[in-house]
């Protein structure tokens, strides 16, 4: 019971800090909106229709949602480094709860915050020309949370081993942009050069964004925009399974890392 209460308290604290920090809340939307409006508007007429009758703005929109979730999830690990520098983490680690609970609470807090930011972008769907329904939203939200939780656990794992905010920012910035550009946010992941195809398939965000795109745009798993792995076209549920395995590995390592803290 103490562990569950500890997880809830850590989750609630991170969520409350996010809600009170309005500058952080709204500034995190600027880059995704710029990509969506500038790239979507500027290139839509130039590129015409993609496969499955989808124009560039419609293709880009699910990717921008995934990008928002990705960036927020990875960067939110900074709260761990912040808490360490200001002494709060030491107080948490000596509390009568399992140290692994700290990793779980931080991951859930980061995933929830990332989901909220992704939902803000999702509200723009009618403006972009993407039709969504209540039933579709009920499927999309768990997919977005799965992507957020998997990448948040990676962020928490990194933060558990990094001692300064400057180092954490430098490392995550080196990771975020390659992960964004190699996840199919801005272009289809078919017909790529061999070396780029390998990097795309190694990128965990690729599968989260592909599942969101399949559900939102009704893209067929065997269509022109399909993501394949070892010659097999992946369905949205295949993507979910891959993300779940990756997330399980990352949160296990994060829990182990926190148990080694002193």
Protein backbone atom coordinates (compact mmCIF):
# COMPACT_ATOMS: atom_id res chain seq x y z
CA UNK A 1 0.00 0.00 0.00
CA UNK A 2 2.87 2.40 0.82
CA UNK A 3 4.36 1.76 -2.62
CA UNK A 4 1.07 2.52 -4.39
CA UNK A 5 0.66 5.69 -2.33
CA UNK A 6 4.24 6.67 -3.19
CA UNK A 7 3.62 6.14 -6.91
CA UNK A 8 0.45 8.21 -6.75
CA UNK A 9 2.13 11.03 -4.81
CA UNK A 10 5.05 11.28 -7.24
CA UNK A 11 2.66 11.16 -10.23
CA UNK A 12 0.39 13.81 -8.71
CA UNK A 13 3.31 16.09 -7.80
CA UNK A 14 4.68 16.07 -11.37
CA UNK A 15 1.21 16.65 -12.80
CA UNK A 16 0.58 19.53 -10.39
CA UNK A 17 3.91 21.16 -11.26
CA UNK A 18 3.05 20.94 -14.95
CA UNK A 19 -0.43 22.40 -14.44
CA UNK A 20 0.93 25.34 -12.45
CA UNK A 21 3.67 26.09 -14.98
CA UNK A 22 1.61 27.74 -17.72
CA UNK A 23 4.71 28.95 -19.58
CA UNK A 24 5.94 25.36 -19.90
CA UNK A 25 2.48 24.13 -20.85
CA UNK A 26 2.03 26.49 -23.78
CA UNK A 27 5.63 26.86 -24.94
CA UNK A 28 5.84 23.09 -25.50
CA UNK A 29 3.13 23.49 -28.17
CA UNK A 30 5.03 26.05 -30.25
CA UNK A 31 7.43 23.76 -32.13
CA UNK A 32 4.80 21.13 -33.08
CA UNK A 33 2.43 23.86 -34.25
CA UNK A 34 5.18 25.48 -36.32
CA UNK A 35 5.99 22.18 -38.01
CA UNK A 36 2.31 21.50 -38.62
CA UNK A 37 1.43 24.93 -39.98
CA UNK A 38 4.63 25.76 -41.88
CA UNK A 39 5.39 22.31 -43.32
CA UNK A 40 1.76 21.29 -43.71
CA UNK A 41 0.63 24.50 -45.39
CA UNK A 42 3.80 25.14 -47.36
CA UNK A 43 4.30 21.65 -48.79
CA UNK A 44 0.75 20.34 -49.05
CA UNK A 45 0.08 21.73 -52.54
CA UNK A 46 3.58 20.84 -53.73
CA UNK A 47 3.54 17.18 -52.73
CA UNK A 48 -0.02 16.31 -53.69
CA UNK A 49 -1.50 13.03 -52.52
CA UNK A 50 0.46 10.37 -50.73
CA UNK A 51 -0.54 6.73 -50.88
CA UNK A 52 -4.05 5.70 -49.80
CA UNK A 53 -5.48 9.08 -50.91
CA UNK A 54 -3.91 11.03 -48.06
CA UNK A 55 -2.54 14.53 -48.62
CA UNK A 56 0.61 15.77 -46.91
CA UNK A 57 -1.14 17.74 -44.16
CA UNK A 58 -3.22 14.70 -43.23
CA UNK A 59 -0.13 12.47 -43.34
CA UNK A 60 1.82 14.92 -41.20
CA UNK A 61 -0.83 15.40 -38.51
CA UNK A 62 -0.52 12.00 -36.73
CA UNK A 63 3.26 12.37 -36.93
CA UNK A 64 3.11 15.76 -35.20
CA UNK A 65 1.00 14.25 -32.43
CA UNK A 66 3.60 11.51 -32.01
CA UNK A 67 6.42 14.07 -32.13
CA UNK A 68 4.76 16.11 -29.37
CA UNK A 69 4.41 13.04 -27.19
CA UNK A 70 7.98 11.91 -27.95
CA UNK A 71 9.64 15.22 -27.13
CA UNK A 72 7.65 15.77 -23.96
CA UNK A 73 8.18 12.20 -22.71
CA UNK A 74 11.95 12.21 -23.16
CA UNK A 75 12.50 15.73 -21.84
CA UNK A 76 10.30 15.22 -18.78
CA UNK A 77 13.06 13.05 -17.30
CA UNK A 78 14.68 16.37 -16.45
CA UNK A 79 12.44 16.55 -13.37
CA UNK A 80 14.46 13.65 -11.92
CA UNK A 81 17.71 15.55 -12.43
CA UNK A 82 16.11 18.71 -11.00
CA UNK A 83 14.94 16.84 -7.92
CA UNK A 84 18.44 15.38 -7.44
CA UNK A 85 20.16 18.77 -7.68
CA UNK A 86 17.81 20.38 -5.18
CA UNK A 87 17.81 17.51 -2.70
CA UNK A 88 14.21 16.36 -3.11
CA UNK A 89 15.20 13.05 -4.69
CA UNK A 90 17.31 12.12 -1.67
CA UNK A 91 14.28 12.66 0.58
CA UNK A 92 12.16 10.46 -1.67
CA UNK A 93 14.76 7.69 -1.78
CA UNK A 94 14.87 7.46 2.02
CA UNK A 95 11.07 7.33 2.27
CA UNK A 96 9.51 4.00 3.40
CA UNK A 97 8.68 2.92 -0.16
CA UNK A 98 10.41 0.70 -2.67
CA UNK A 99 12.82 2.76 -4.75
CA UNK A 100 11.45 1.15 -7.89
CA UNK A 101 8.19 2.96 -7.09
CA UNK A 102 9.97 6.25 -7.73
CA UNK A 103 10.77 5.18 -11.30
CA UNK A 104 7.19 4.05 -11.88
CA UNK A 105 5.72 7.26 -10.44
CA UNK A 106 8.05 9.45 -12.51
CA UNK A 107 7.30 7.46 -15.67
CA UNK A 108 3.53 7.66 -15.16
CA UNK A 109 3.75 11.38 -14.43
CA UNK A 110 5.80 12.03 -17.56
CA UNK A 111 3.50 9.84 -19.68
CA UNK A 112 0.38 11.61 -18.41
CA UNK A 113 1.85 15.05 -19.13
CA UNK A 114 2.90 13.92 -22.62
CA UNK A 115 -0.58 12.53 -23.26
CA UNK A 116 -2.18 15.85 -22.27
CA UNK A 117 0.09 17.74 -24.66
CA UNK A 118 -0.70 15.28 -27.45
CA UNK A 119 -4.42 15.78 -26.80
CA UNK A 120 -4.02 19.54 -27.32
CA UNK A 121 -2.68 18.83 -30.83
CA UNK A 122 -5.42 16.26 -31.45
CA UNK A 123 -8.02 19.00 -31.01
CA UNK A 124 -6.75 20.57 -34.25
CA UNK A 125 -7.86 17.59 -36.36
CA UNK A 126 -10.95 19.32 -37.88
CA UNK A 127 -8.79 22.29 -38.97
CA UNK A 128 -6.33 19.97 -40.75
CA UNK A 129 -9.13 18.09 -42.47
CA UNK A 130 -8.80 14.85 -40.50
CA UNK A 131 -12.10 13.33 -39.45
CA UNK A 132 -12.14 11.79 -36.00
CA UNK A 133 -14.91 10.18 -33.97
CA UNK A 134 -15.39 9.40 -30.32
CA UNK A 135 -14.63 5.73 -30.93
CA UNK A 136 -11.42 6.68 -32.76
CA UNK A 137 -10.35 8.95 -29.89
CA UNK A 138 -10.93 6.12 -27.42
CA UNK A 139 -8.46 4.03 -29.42
CA UNK A 140 -5.97 6.83 -30.03
CA UNK A 141 -5.60 7.83 -26.37
CA UNK A 142 -4.24 4.43 -25.23
CA UNK A 143 -1.91 4.36 -28.25
CA UNK A 144 -0.59 7.81 -27.39
CA UNK A 145 -0.18 6.81 -23.75
CA UNK A 146 1.70 3.66 -24.77
CA UNK A 147 4.12 5.74 -26.84
CA UNK A 148 4.45 8.28 -24.01
CA UNK A 149 5.05 5.67 -21.30
CA UNK A 150 7.64 3.78 -23.37
CA UNK A 151 9.69 6.88 -24.14
CA UNK A 152 9.17 8.39 -20.69
CA UNK A 153 10.67 5.26 -19.15
CA UNK A 154 13.69 5.77 -21.41
CA UNK A 155 13.92 9.38 -20.24
CA UNK A 156 13.67 8.37 -16.59
CA UNK A 157 16.34 5.69 -17.10
CA UNK A 158 18.72 8.27 -18.58
CA UNK A 159 17.92 10.79 -15.85
CA UNK A 160 18.62 8.23 -13.13
CA UNK A 161 22.24 8.10 -14.28
CA UNK A 162 22.86 11.72 -15.27
CA UNK A 163 23.91 14.11 -12.53
CA UNK A 164 23.42 17.57 -14.07
CA UNK A 165 20.62 19.29 -15.98
CA UNK A 166 23.10 20.57 -18.58
CA UNK A 167 24.30 17.06 -19.38
CA UNK A 168 20.74 15.72 -19.53
CA UNK A 169 19.66 18.49 -21.91
CA UNK A 170 22.66 17.90 -24.16
CA UNK A 171 22.10 14.14 -24.35
CA UNK A 172 18.34 14.30 -24.89
CA UNK A 173 18.70 16.97 -27.58
CA UNK A 174 21.13 14.68 -29.38
CA UNK A 175 18.51 11.93 -29.20
CA UNK A 176 15.25 13.79 -29.81
CA UNK A 177 15.79 15.23 -33.29
CA UNK A 178 17.21 12.03 -34.87
CA UNK A 179 14.34 10.07 -33.31
CA UNK A 180 11.83 12.57 -34.72
CA UNK A 181 13.27 12.64 -38.23
CA UNK A 182 13.78 8.87 -38.36
CA UNK A 183 10.31 7.89 -37.14
CA UNK A 184 8.20 8.65 -40.19
CA UNK A 185 6.86 11.97 -38.92
CA UNK A 186 7.69 13.90 -42.10
CA UNK A 187 7.96 11.21 -44.78
CA UNK A 188 6.79 7.65 -45.46
CA UNK A 189 9.12 4.95 -44.25
CA UNK A 190 8.91 2.95 -47.48
CA UNK A 191 11.50 2.94 -50.23
CA UNK A 192 14.29 4.33 -48.06
CA UNK A 193 18.03 3.67 -48.53
CA UNK A 194 19.16 0.54 -46.70
CA UNK A 195 21.14 2.39 -44.01
CA UNK A 196 18.25 4.74 -43.25
CA UNK A 197 15.76 1.88 -43.25
CA UNK A 198 17.77 0.15 -40.52
CA UNK A 199 17.81 3.29 -38.36
CA UNK A 200 14.07 3.80 -38.84
CA UNK A 201 13.31 0.23 -37.75
CA UNK A 202 15.59 0.54 -34.70
CA UNK A 203 13.77 3.69 -33.61
CA UNK A 204 11.04 2.80 -31.07
CA UNK A 205 9.06 5.95 -31.90
CA UNK A 206 8.52 4.64 -35.45
CA UNK A 207 6.06 2.02 -34.23
CA UNK A 208 4.13 4.37 -31.97
CA UNK A 209 3.66 6.92 -34.75
CA UNK A 210 2.74 4.22 -37.28
CA UNK A 211 -0.01 2.88 -35.00
CA UNK A 212 -1.44 6.38 -34.48
CA UNK A 213 -1.36 7.04 -38.23
CA UNK A 214 -3.04 3.75 -39.09
CA UNK A 215 -5.92 4.38 -36.69
CA UNK A 216 -6.36 8.09 -37.44
CA UNK A 217 -6.15 7.92 -41.23
CA UNK A 218 -7.51 4.43 -41.74
CA UNK A 219 -4.28 3.45 -43.46
CA UNK A 220 -4.32 -0.22 -44.38
CA UNK A 221 -1.54 -2.41 -43.05
CA UNK A 222 -0.90 -3.56 -46.63
CA UNK A 223 -1.25 -0.10 -48.21
CA UNK A 224 1.37 2.14 -49.76
CA UNK A 225 2.16 3.76 -46.40
CA UNK A 226 2.54 0.44 -44.59
CA UNK A 227 5.45 -0.17 -42.23
CA UNK A 228 7.13 -3.52 -42.75
CA UNK A 229 9.59 -5.44 -40.60
CA UNK A 230 11.52 -8.41 -42.02
CA UNK A 231 9.16 -8.39 -45.00
CA UNK A 232 6.02 -8.47 -42.84
CA UNK A 233 3.59 -5.53 -42.91
CA UNK A 234 2.81 -4.43 -39.37
CA UNK A 235 -0.70 -3.78 -38.15
CA UNK A 236 -1.41 -1.22 -35.44
CA UNK A 237 -1.55 -4.04 -32.88
CA UNK A 238 1.86 -5.31 -33.99
CA UNK A 239 3.17 -1.79 -33.38
CA UNK A 240 1.59 -1.80 -29.93
CA UNK A 241 3.25 -5.10 -29.07
CA UNK A 242 6.68 -3.80 -30.08
CA UNK A 243 6.15 -0.61 -28.06
CA UNK A 244 4.98 -2.64 -25.06
CA UNK A 245 8.09 -4.85 -25.16
CA UNK A 246 10.37 -1.82 -25.48
CA UNK A 247 8.55 -0.01 -22.67
CA UNK A 248 8.70 -3.05 -20.40
CA UNK A 249 12.46 -3.34 -20.91
CA UNK A 250 13.02 0.39 -20.28
CA UNK A 251 10.88 0.59 -17.13
CA UNK A 252 12.53 -2.55 -15.76
CA UNK A 253 15.96 -1.00 -16.29
CA UNK A 254 14.77 2.30 -14.78
CA UNK A 255 13.44 0.49 -11.69
CA UNK A 256 16.72 -1.38 -11.34
CA UNK A 257 18.69 1.85 -11.76
CA UNK A 258 16.70 3.59 -9.02
CA UNK A 259 17.16 0.62 -6.71
CA UNK A 260 20.93 1.17 -7.05
CA UNK A 261 20.76 4.85 -6.09
CA UNK A 262 22.34 5.96 -2.85
